[in-house]
PDB file of N, CA and C in Angstrom:
ATOM      1  N   UNK A   1     111.816  99.025 105.448  1.00  0.00           N
ATOM      2  CA  UNK A   1     112.279  97.932 104.638  1.00  0.00           C
ATOM      3  C   UNK A   1     111.499  97.966 103.321  1.00  0.00           C
ATOM      4  N   UNK A   2     112.203  97.918 102.193  1.00  0.00           N
ATOM      5  CA  UNK A   2     111.575  97.948 100.878  1.00  0.00           C
ATOM      6  C   UNK A   2     111.089  96.560 100.462  1.00  0.00           C
ATOM      7  N   UNK A   3     109.904  96.528  99.837  1.00  0.00           N
ATOM      8  CA  UNK A   3     109.397  95.333  99.174  1.00  0.00           C
ATOM      9  C   UNK A   3     109.054  95.735  97.745  1.00  0.00           C
ATOM     10  N   UNK A   4     109.354  94.918  96.802  1.00  0.00           N
ATOM     11  CA  UNK A   4     108.934  95.148  95.419  1.00  0.00           C
ATOM     12  C   UNK A   4     109.377  96.501  94.865  1.00  0.00           C
ATOM     13  N   UNK A   5     110.625  96.886  95.083  1.00  0.00           N
ATOM     14  CA  UNK A   5     111.129  98.151  94.536  1.00  0.00           C
ATOM     15  C   UNK A   5     111.221  98.032  93.019  1.00  0.00           C
ATOM     16  N   UNK A   6     110.544  98.944  92.316  1.00  0.00           N
ATOM     17  CA  UNK A   6     110.538  98.939  90.860  1.00  0.00           C
ATOM     18  C   UNK A   6     111.063 100.271  90.352  1.00  0.00           C
ATOM     19  N   UNK A   7     111.922 100.224  89.345  1.00  0.00           N
ATOM     20  CA  UNK A   7     112.434 101.450  88.730  1.00  0.00           C
ATOM     21  C   UNK A   7     111.331 102.115  87.933  1.00  0.00           C
ATOM     22  N   UNK A   8     111.327 103.455  87.966  1.00  0.00           N
ATOM     23  CA  UNK A   8     110.404 104.211  87.132  1.00  0.00           C
ATOM     24  C   UNK A   8     111.185 105.332  86.456  1.00  0.00           C
ATOM     25  N   UNK A   9     110.707 105.768  85.330  1.00  0.00           N
ATOM     26  CA  UNK A   9     111.346 106.840  84.574  1.00  0.00           C
ATOM     27  C   UNK A   9     110.582 108.141  84.793  1.00  0.00           C
ATOM     28  N   UNK A  10     111.317 109.199  85.073  1.00  0.00           N
ATOM     29  CA  UNK A  10     110.710 110.524  85.125  1.00  0.00           C
ATOM     30  C   UNK A  10     110.097 110.865  86.457  1.00  0.00           C
ATOM     31  N   UNK A  11     109.787 112.133  86.577  1.00  0.00           N
ATOM     32  CA  UNK A  11     109.169 112.649  87.779  1.00  0.00           C
ATOM     33  C   UNK A  11     110.182 113.245  88.729  1.00  0.00           C
ATOM     34  N   UNK A  12     109.813 114.347  89.338  1.00  0.00           N
ATOM     35  CA  UNK A  12     110.647 114.986  90.357  1.00  0.00           C
ATOM     36  C   UNK A  12     109.769 115.406  91.516  1.00  0.00           C
ATOM     37  N   UNK A  13     110.399 115.674  92.622  1.00  0.00           N
ATOM     38  CA  UNK A  13     109.720 116.174  93.803  1.00  0.00           C
ATOM     39  C   UNK A  13     110.577 117.293  94.376  1.00  0.00           C
ATOM     40  N   UNK A  14     109.944 118.330  94.886  1.00  0.00           N
ATOM     41  CA  UNK A  14     110.665 119.495  95.407  1.00  0.00           C
ATOM     42  C   UNK A  14     110.668 119.480  96.929  1.00  0.00           C
ATOM     43  N   UNK A  15     111.809 119.834  97.505  1.00  0.00           N
ATOM     44  CA  UNK A  15     111.958 119.960  98.946  1.00  0.00           C
ATOM     45  C   UNK A  15     112.496 121.342  99.248  1.00  0.00           C
ATOM     46  N   UNK A  16     112.006 121.956 100.307  1.00  0.00           N
ATOM     47  CA  UNK A  16     112.462 123.284 100.683  1.00  0.00           C
ATOM     48  C   UNK A  16     113.967 123.325 100.877  1.00  0.00           C
ATOM     49  N   UNK A  17     114.648 124.218 100.165  1.00  0.00           N
ATOM     50  CA  UNK A  17     116.080 124.388 100.310  1.00  0.00           C
ATOM     51  C   UNK A  17     116.926 123.344  99.604  1.00  0.00           C
ATOM     52  N   UNK A  18     116.319 122.299  99.066  1.00  0.00           N
ATOM     53  CA  UNK A  18     117.077 121.237  98.412  1.00  0.00           C
ATOM     54  C   UNK A  18     116.843 121.201  96.907  1.00  0.00           C
ATOM     55  N   UNK A  19     115.903 121.983  96.405  1.00  0.00           N
ATOM     56  CA  UNK A  19     115.602 121.956  94.981  1.00  0.00           C
ATOM     57  C   UNK A  19     114.835 120.708  94.601  1.00  0.00           C
ATOM     58  N   UNK A  20     114.779 120.422  93.306  1.00  0.00           N
ATOM     59  CA  UNK A  20     114.076 119.241  92.808  1.00  0.00           C
ATOM     60  C   UNK A  20     114.969 118.012  92.875  1.00  0.00           C
ATOM     61  N   UNK A  21     114.366 116.888  93.230  1.00  0.00           N
ATOM     62  CA  UNK A  21     115.067 115.597  93.247  1.00  0.00           C
ATOM     63  C   UNK A  21     114.332 114.634  92.343  1.00  0.00           C
ATOM     64  N   UNK A  22     115.069 113.782  91.674  1.00  0.00           N
ATOM     65  CA  UNK A  22     114.520 112.830  90.718  1.00  0.00           C
ATOM     66  C   UNK A  22     113.918 111.623  91.437  1.00  0.00           C
ATOM     67  N   UNK A  23     112.709 111.242  91.041  1.00  0.00           N
ATOM     68  CA  UNK A  23     112.067 110.026  91.526  1.00  0.00           C
ATOM     69  C   UNK A  23     112.555 108.883  90.642  1.00  0.00           C
ATOM     70  N   UNK A  24     113.176 107.872  91.247  1.00  0.00           N
ATOM     71  CA  UNK A  24     113.751 106.781  90.450  1.00  0.00           C
ATOM     72  C   UNK A  24     113.090 105.431  90.706  1.00  0.00           C
ATOM     73  N   UNK A  25     112.176 105.362  91.674  1.00  0.00           N
ATOM     74  CA  UNK A  25     111.539 104.083  91.944  1.00  0.00           C
ATOM     75  C   UNK A  25     110.257 104.241  92.733  1.00  0.00           C
ATOM     76  N   UNK A  26     109.501 103.161  92.775  1.00  0.00           N
ATOM     77  CA  UNK A  26     108.270 103.093  93.558  1.00  0.00           C
ATOM     78  C   UNK A  26     108.272 101.733  94.249  1.00  0.00           C
ATOM     79  N   UNK A  27     107.792 101.678  95.489  1.00  0.00           N
ATOM     80  CA  UNK A  27     107.857 100.431  96.232  1.00  0.00           C
ATOM     81  C   UNK A  27     106.807 100.385  97.327  1.00  0.00           C
ATOM     82  N   UNK A  28     106.860  99.310  98.065  1.00  0.00           N
ATOM     83  CA  UNK A  28     106.075  99.106  99.271  1.00  0.00           C
ATOM     84  C   UNK A  28     107.080  99.020 100.404  1.00  0.00           C
ATOM     85  N   UNK A  29     106.777  99.610 101.564  1.00  0.00           N
ATOM     86  CA  UNK A  29     107.644  99.453 102.719  1.00  0.00           C
ATOM     87  C   UNK A  29     106.831  98.904 103.880  1.00  0.00           C
ATOM     88  N   UNK A  30     107.519  98.312 104.846  1.00  0.00           N
ATOM     89  CA  UNK A  30     106.808  97.835 106.017  1.00  0.00           C
ATOM     90  C   UNK A  30     107.548  96.758 106.765  1.00  0.00           C
ATOM     91  N   UNK A  31     106.789  96.101 107.613  1.00  0.00           N
ATOM     92  CA  UNK A  31     107.284  95.005 108.440  1.00  0.00           C
ATOM     93  C   UNK A  31     106.613  93.742 107.924  1.00  0.00           C
ATOM     94  N   UNK A  32     107.383  92.789 107.373  1.00  0.00           N
ATOM     95  CA  UNK A  32     106.786  91.620 106.724  1.00  0.00           C
ATOM     96  C   UNK A  32     105.771  90.875 107.583  1.00  0.00           C
ATOM     97  N   UNK A  33     105.995  90.779 108.876  1.00  0.00           N
ATOM     98  CA  UNK A  33     105.101  89.998 109.728  1.00  0.00           C
ATOM     99  C   UNK A  33     103.895  90.788 110.207  1.00  0.00           C
ATOM    100  N   UNK A  34     103.804  92.097 109.880  1.00  0.00           N
ATOM    101  CA  UNK A  34     102.719  92.883 110.456  1.00  0.00           C
ATOM    102  C   UNK A  34     101.939  93.714 109.442  1.00  0.00           C
ATOM    103  N   UNK A  35     102.586  94.679 108.798  1.00  0.00           N
ATOM    104  CA  UNK A  35     101.844  95.617 107.952  1.00  0.00           C
ATOM    105  C   UNK A  35     102.789  96.296 106.970  1.00  0.00           C
ATOM    106  N   UNK A  36     102.187  96.992 105.994  1.00  0.00           N
ATOM    107  CA  UNK A  36     102.994  97.694 105.005  1.00  0.00           C
ATOM    108  C   UNK A  36     102.238  98.908 104.469  1.00  0.00           C
ATOM    109  N   UNK A  37     102.980  99.783 103.783  1.00  0.00           N
ATOM    110  CA  UNK A  37     102.431 100.952 103.106  1.00  0.00           C
ATOM    111  C   UNK A  37     102.799 100.820 101.630  1.00  0.00           C
ATOM    112  N   UNK A  38     101.806 100.925 100.760  1.00  0.00           N
ATOM    113  CA  UNK A  38     102.029 100.846  99.320  1.00  0.00           C
ATOM    114  C   UNK A  38     102.332 102.227  98.752  1.00  0.00           C
ATOM    115  N   UNK A  39     102.870 102.240  97.551  1.00  0.00           N
ATOM    116  CA  UNK A  39     103.118 103.448  96.760  1.00  0.00           C
ATOM    117  C   UNK A  39     104.002 104.449  97.513  1.00  0.00           C
ATOM    118  N   UNK A  40     105.199 104.009  97.863  1.00  0.00           N
ATOM    119  CA  UNK A  40     106.218 104.875  98.453  1.00  0.00           C
ATOM    120  C   UNK A  40     107.229 105.188  97.358  1.00  0.00           C
ATOM    121  N   UNK A  41     107.514 106.453  97.160  1.00  0.00           N
ATOM    122  CA  UNK A  41     108.440 106.863  96.113  1.00  0.00           C
ATOM    123  C   UNK A  41     109.880 106.809  96.617  1.00  0.00           C
ATOM    124  N   UNK A  42     110.768 106.259  95.784  1.00  0.00           N
ATOM    125  CA  UNK A  42     112.194 106.276  96.074  1.00  0.00           C
ATOM    126  C   UNK A  42     112.771 107.493  95.361  1.00  0.00           C
ATOM    127  N   UNK A  43     113.369 108.391  96.126  1.00  0.00           N
ATOM    128  CA  UNK A  43     113.874 109.640  95.578  1.00  0.00           C
ATOM    129  C   UNK A  43     115.391 109.647  95.675  1.00  0.00           C
ATOM    130  N   UNK A  44     116.024 109.841  94.531  1.00  0.00           N
ATOM    131  CA  UNK A  44     117.475 109.864  94.438  1.00  0.00           C
ATOM    132  C   UNK A  44     118.059 110.906  95.377  1.00  0.00           C
ATOM    133  N   UNK A  45     119.058 110.512  96.160  1.00  0.00           N
ATOM    134  CA  UNK A  45     119.780 111.444  97.015  1.00  0.00           C
ATOM    135  C   UNK A  45     119.227 111.634  98.422  1.00  0.00           C
ATOM    136  N   UNK A  46     118.060 111.087  98.723  1.00  0.00           N
ATOM    137  CA  UNK A  46     117.527 111.214 100.080  1.00  0.00           C
ATOM    138  C   UNK A  46     118.028 110.072 100.950  1.00  0.00           C
ATOM    139  N   UNK A  47     118.264 110.353 102.212  1.00  0.00           N
ATOM    140  CA  UNK A  47     118.722 109.330 103.139  1.00  0.00           C
ATOM    141  C   UNK A  47     117.560 108.644 103.845  1.00  0.00           C
ATOM    142  N   UNK A  48     116.355 109.219 103.715  1.00  0.00           N
ATOM    143  CA  UNK A  48     115.180 108.701 104.408  1.00  0.00           C
ATOM    144  C   UNK A  48     114.008 108.616 103.444  1.00  0.00           C
ATOM    145  N   UNK A  49     113.036 107.779 103.768  1.00  0.00           N
ATOM    146  CA  UNK A  49     111.761 107.751 103.055  1.00  0.00           C
ATOM    147  C   UNK A  49     110.830 108.694 103.796  1.00  0.00           C
ATOM    148  N   UNK A  50     110.209 109.596 103.071  1.00  0.00           N
ATOM    149  CA  UNK A  50     109.290 110.533 103.687  1.00  0.00           C
ATOM    150  C   UNK A  50     107.867 110.015 103.520  1.00  0.00           C
ATOM    151  N   UNK A  51     107.218 109.754 104.629  1.00  0.00           N
ATOM    152  CA  UNK A  51     105.844 109.276 104.622  1.00  0.00           C
ATOM    153  C   UNK A  51     104.973 110.301 105.320  1.00  0.00           C
ATOM    154  N   UNK A  52     103.822 110.541 104.776  1.00  0.00           N
ATOM    155  CA  UNK A  52     102.914 111.492 105.406  1.00  0.00           C
ATOM    156  C   UNK A  52     101.898 110.739 106.264  1.00  0.00           C
ATOM    157  N   UNK A  53     101.357 111.434 107.233  1.00  0.00           N
ATOM    158  CA  UNK A  53     100.323 110.851 108.081  1.00  0.00           C
ATOM    159  C   UNK A  53      99.127 110.444 107.228  1.00  0.00           C
ATOM    160  N   UNK A  54      98.822 111.229 106.196  1.00  0.00           N
ATOM    161  CA  UNK A  54      97.679 110.890 105.346  1.00  0.00           C
ATOM    162  C   UNK A  54      97.900 109.549 104.633  1.00  0.00           C
ATOM    163  N   UNK A  55      99.167 109.193 104.302  1.00  0.00           N
ATOM    164  CA  UNK A  55      99.430 107.885 103.698  1.00  0.00           C
ATOM    165  C   UNK A  55      99.044 106.767 104.654  1.00  0.00           C
ATOM    166  N   UNK A  56      99.377 106.923 105.927  1.00  0.00           N
ATOM    167  CA  UNK A  56      99.004 105.904 106.912  1.00  0.00           C
ATOM    168  C   UNK A  56      97.493 105.833 107.062  1.00  0.00           C
ATOM    169  N   UNK A  57      96.846 106.977 107.216  1.00  0.00           N
ATOM    170  CA  UNK A  57      95.393 107.010 107.410  1.00  0.00           C
ATOM    171  C   UNK A  57      94.649 106.484 106.179  1.00  0.00           C
ATOM    172  N   UNK A  58      95.105 106.849 104.978  1.00  0.00           N
ATOM    173  CA  UNK A  58      94.479 106.359 103.747  1.00  0.00           C
ATOM    174  C   UNK A  58      94.634 104.847 103.595  1.00  0.00           C
ATOM    175  N   UNK A  59      95.652 104.280 104.225  1.00  0.00           N
ATOM    176  CA  UNK A  59      95.882 102.833 104.161  1.00  0.00           C
ATOM    177  C   UNK A  59      95.201 102.087 105.297  1.00  0.00           C
ATOM    178  N   UNK A  60      94.412 102.796 106.112  1.00  0.00           N
ATOM    179  CA  UNK A  60      93.638 102.146 107.164  1.00  0.00           C
ATOM    180  C   UNK A  60      94.290 102.114 108.531  1.00  0.00           C
ATOM    181  N   UNK A  61      95.399 102.807 108.710  1.00  0.00           N
ATOM    182  CA  UNK A  61      96.066 102.843 110.005  1.00  0.00           C
ATOM    183  C   UNK A  61      95.568 104.037 110.824  1.00  0.00           C
ATOM    184  N   UNK A  62      95.802 104.001 112.121  1.00  0.00           N
ATOM    185  CA  UNK A  62      95.463 105.099 113.017  1.00  0.00           C
ATOM    186  C   UNK A  62      96.746 105.653 113.617  1.00  0.00           C
ATOM    187  N   UNK A  63      96.897 106.985 113.611  1.00  0.00           N
ATOM    188  CA  UNK A  63      98.100 107.632 114.138  1.00  0.00           C
ATOM    189  C   UNK A  63      97.752 108.408 115.398  1.00  0.00           C
ATOM    190  N   UNK A  64      98.579 108.256 116.422  1.00  0.00           N
ATOM    191  CA  UNK A  64      98.397 108.927 117.699  1.00  0.00           C
ATOM    192  C   UNK A  64      99.677 109.672 118.050  1.00  0.00           C
ATOM    193  N   UNK A  65      99.551 110.917 118.472  1.00  0.00           N
ATOM    194  CA  UNK A  65     100.702 111.750 118.790  1.00  0.00           C
ATOM    195  C   UNK A  65     100.624 112.281 120.200  1.00  0.00           C
ATOM    196  N   UNK A  66     101.798 112.451 120.805  1.00  0.00           N
ATOM    197  CA  UNK A  66     101.940 113.282 121.991  1.00  0.00           C
ATOM    198  C   UNK A  66     103.197 114.113 121.784  1.00  0.00           C
ATOM    199  N   UNK A  67     103.643 114.827 122.785  1.00  0.00           N
ATOM    200  CA  UNK A  67     104.771 115.741 122.570  1.00  0.00           C
ATOM    201  C   UNK A  67     106.092 115.029 122.292  1.00  0.00           C
ATOM    202  N   UNK A  68     106.191 113.731 122.608  1.00  0.00           N
ATOM    203  CA  UNK A  68     107.458 113.007 122.468  1.00  0.00           C
ATOM    204  C   UNK A  68     107.498 111.950 121.372  1.00  0.00           C
ATOM    205  N   UNK A  69     106.324 111.459 120.928  1.00  0.00           N
ATOM    206  CA  UNK A  69     106.353 110.329 120.003  1.00  0.00           C
ATOM    207  C   UNK A  69     105.071 110.220 119.184  1.00  0.00           C
ATOM    208  N   UNK A  70     105.142 109.348 118.185  1.00  0.00           N
ATOM    209  CA  UNK A  70     104.000 108.998 117.343  1.00  0.00           C
ATOM    210  C   UNK A  70     103.848 107.479 117.389  1.00  0.00           C
ATOM    211  N   UNK A  71     102.611 107.023 117.541  1.00  0.00           N
ATOM    212  CA  UNK A  71     102.320 105.596 117.483  1.00  0.00           C
ATOM    213  C   UNK A  71     101.319 105.371 116.360  1.00  0.00           C
ATOM    214  N   UNK A  72     101.617 104.412 115.500  1.00  0.00           N
ATOM    215  CA  UNK A  72     100.717 104.058 114.408  1.00  0.00           C
ATOM    216  C   UNK A  72     100.258 102.630 114.648  1.00  0.00           C
ATOM    217  N   UNK A  73      98.921 102.432 114.594  1.00  0.00           N
ATOM    218  CA  UNK A  73      98.330 101.125 114.855  1.00  0.00           C
ATOM    219  C   UNK A  73      97.516 100.663 113.656  1.00  0.00           C
ATOM    220  N   UNK A  74      97.400  99.341 113.518  1.00  0.00           N
ATOM    221  CA  UNK A  74      96.572  98.755 112.479  1.00  0.00           C
ATOM    222  C   UNK A  74      95.109  98.907 112.876  1.00  0.00           C
ATOM    223  N   UNK A  75      94.195  98.625 111.929  1.00  0.00           N
ATOM    224  CA  UNK A  75      92.760  98.761 112.202  1.00  0.00           C
ATOM    225  C   UNK A  75      92.295  97.883 113.350  1.00  0.00           C
ATOM    226  N   UNK A  76      92.952  96.729 113.573  1.00  0.00           N
ATOM    227  CA  UNK A  76      92.568  95.851 114.678  1.00  0.00           C
ATOM    228  C   UNK A  76      93.355  96.159 115.954  1.00  0.00           C
ATOM    229  N   UNK A  77      93.895  97.368 116.036  1.00  0.00           N
ATOM    230  CA  UNK A  77      94.544  97.943 117.222  1.00  0.00           C
ATOM    231  C   UNK A  77      95.889  97.313 117.581  1.00  0.00           C
ATOM    232  N   UNK A  78      96.521  96.605 116.636  1.00  0.00           N
ATOM    233  CA  UNK A  78      97.893  96.141 116.847  1.00  0.00           C
ATOM    234  C   UNK A  78      98.847  97.287 116.536  1.00  0.00           C
ATOM    235  N   UNK A  79      99.888  97.397 117.307  1.00  0.00           N
ATOM    236  CA  UNK A  79     100.870  98.453 117.071  1.00  0.00           C
ATOM    237  C   UNK A  79     101.693  98.139 115.825  1.00  0.00           C
ATOM    238  N   UNK A  80     101.729  99.085 114.872  1.00  0.00           N
ATOM    239  CA  UNK A  80     102.580  98.974 113.682  1.00  0.00           C
ATOM    240  C   UNK A  80     103.969  99.437 114.066  1.00  0.00           C
ATOM    241  N   UNK A  81     104.091 100.628 114.674  1.00  0.00           N
ATOM    242  CA  UNK A  81     105.358 101.126 115.187  1.00  0.00           C
ATOM    243  C   UNK A  81     105.118 102.312 116.107  1.00  0.00           C
ATOM    244  N   UNK A  82     106.124 102.585 116.915  1.00  0.00           N
ATOM    245  CA  UNK A  82     106.188 103.802 117.724  1.00  0.00           C
ATOM    246  C   UNK A  82     107.503 104.478 117.390  1.00  0.00           C
ATOM    247  N   UNK A  83     107.451 105.776 117.161  1.00  0.00           N
ATOM    248  CA  UNK A  83     108.652 106.523 116.787  1.00  0.00           C
ATOM    249  C   UNK A  83     108.806 107.733 117.693  1.00  0.00           C
ATOM    250  N   UNK A  84     110.018 107.942 118.174  1.00  0.00           N
ATOM    251  CA  UNK A  84     110.307 109.123 118.976  1.00  0.00           C
ATOM    252  C   UNK A  84     110.452 110.335 118.078  1.00  0.00           C
ATOM    253  N   UNK A  85     109.985 111.464 118.569  1.00  0.00           N
ATOM    254  CA  UNK A  85     110.065 112.702 117.803  1.00  0.00           C
ATOM    255  C   UNK A  85     111.320 113.474 118.190  1.00  0.00           C
ATOM    256  N   UNK A  86     112.033 113.976 117.170  1.00  0.00           N
ATOM    257  CA  UNK A  86     113.149 114.880 117.395  1.00  0.00           C
ATOM    258  C   UNK A  86     113.306 115.763 116.160  1.00  0.00           C
ATOM    259  N   UNK A  87     113.714 116.985 116.370  1.00  0.00           N
ATOM    260  CA  UNK A  87     113.845 117.960 115.276  1.00  0.00           C
ATOM    261  C   UNK A  87     112.579 118.055 114.426  1.00  0.00           C
ATOM    262  N   UNK A  88     111.422 117.975 115.093  1.00  0.00           N
ATOM    263  CA  UNK A  88     110.121 118.127 114.449  1.00  0.00           C
ATOM    264  C   UNK A  88     109.798 117.016 113.449  1.00  0.00           C
ATOM    265  N   UNK A  89     110.461 115.865 113.583  1.00  0.00           N
ATOM    266  CA  UNK A  89     110.193 114.700 112.727  1.00  0.00           C
ATOM    267  C   UNK A  89     110.195 113.444 113.585  1.00  0.00           C
ATOM    268  N   UNK A  90     109.455 112.437 113.133  1.00  0.00           N
ATOM    269  CA  UNK A  90     109.479 111.126 113.779  1.00  0.00           C
ATOM    270  C   UNK A  90     110.286 110.192 112.901  1.00  0.00           C
ATOM    271  N   UNK A  91     111.294 109.577 113.483  1.00  0.00           N
ATOM    272  CA  UNK A  91     112.151 108.662 112.727  1.00  0.00           C
ATOM    273  C   UNK A  91     111.791 107.231 113.079  1.00  0.00           C
ATOM    274  N   UNK A  92     111.536 106.431 112.046  1.00  0.00           N
ATOM    275  CA  UNK A  92     111.100 105.042 112.222  1.00  0.00           C
ATOM    276  C   UNK A  92     112.183 104.118 111.707  1.00  0.00           C
ATOM    277  N   UNK A  93     112.530 103.126 112.506  1.00  0.00           N
ATOM    278  CA  UNK A  93     113.456 102.081 112.070  1.00  0.00           C
ATOM    279  C   UNK A  93     112.673 100.792 112.015  1.00  0.00           C
ATOM    280  N   UNK A  94     112.323 100.329 110.810  1.00  0.00           N
ATOM    281  CA  UNK A  94     111.475  99.145 110.649  1.00  0.00           C
ATOM    282  C   UNK A  94     112.245  97.831 110.742  1.00  0.00           C
ATOM    283  N   UNK A  95     113.564  97.891 110.673  1.00  0.00           N
ATOM    284  CA  UNK A  95     114.379  96.673 110.701  1.00  0.00           C
ATOM    285  C   UNK A  95     114.370  96.100 112.122  1.00  0.00           C
ATOM    286  N   UNK A  96     114.095  94.833 112.235  1.00  0.00           N
ATOM    287  CA  UNK A  96     114.155  94.162 113.523  1.00  0.00           C
ATOM    288  C   UNK A  96     112.915  94.300 114.375  1.00  0.00           C
ATOM    289  N   UNK A  97     111.795  94.775 113.833  1.00  0.00           N
ATOM    290  CA  UNK A  97     110.586  94.928 114.639  1.00  0.00           C
ATOM    291  C   UNK A  97     109.774  93.656 114.755  1.00  0.00           C
ATOM    292  N   UNK A  98     110.070  92.623 113.972  1.00  0.00           N
ATOM    293  CA  UNK A  98     109.319  91.357 114.081  1.00  0.00           C
ATOM    294  C   UNK A  98     109.922  90.478 115.153  1.00  0.00           C
TER     295      UNK A  98
END
């Protein structure tokens, strides 16, 4: 879920096999009642927001993995989300988690 989406001018990001994509915004995403991640780039043409584990860790969260899923918890050990892994990616649906 986006919070404070702001338009920005310029900048691109490269993805393997997809070429360069234009960065058109910057925002915060998260669950209003629990936690959020700042400085998430909105990239034109992508269907998903790509977040790295380092973004979670740099923001004070802890990430735990096993062969089937990823769980991210806040510093006080509350669960931020759990995501099932498929096709070598974890997909998170933040809508309706409160």
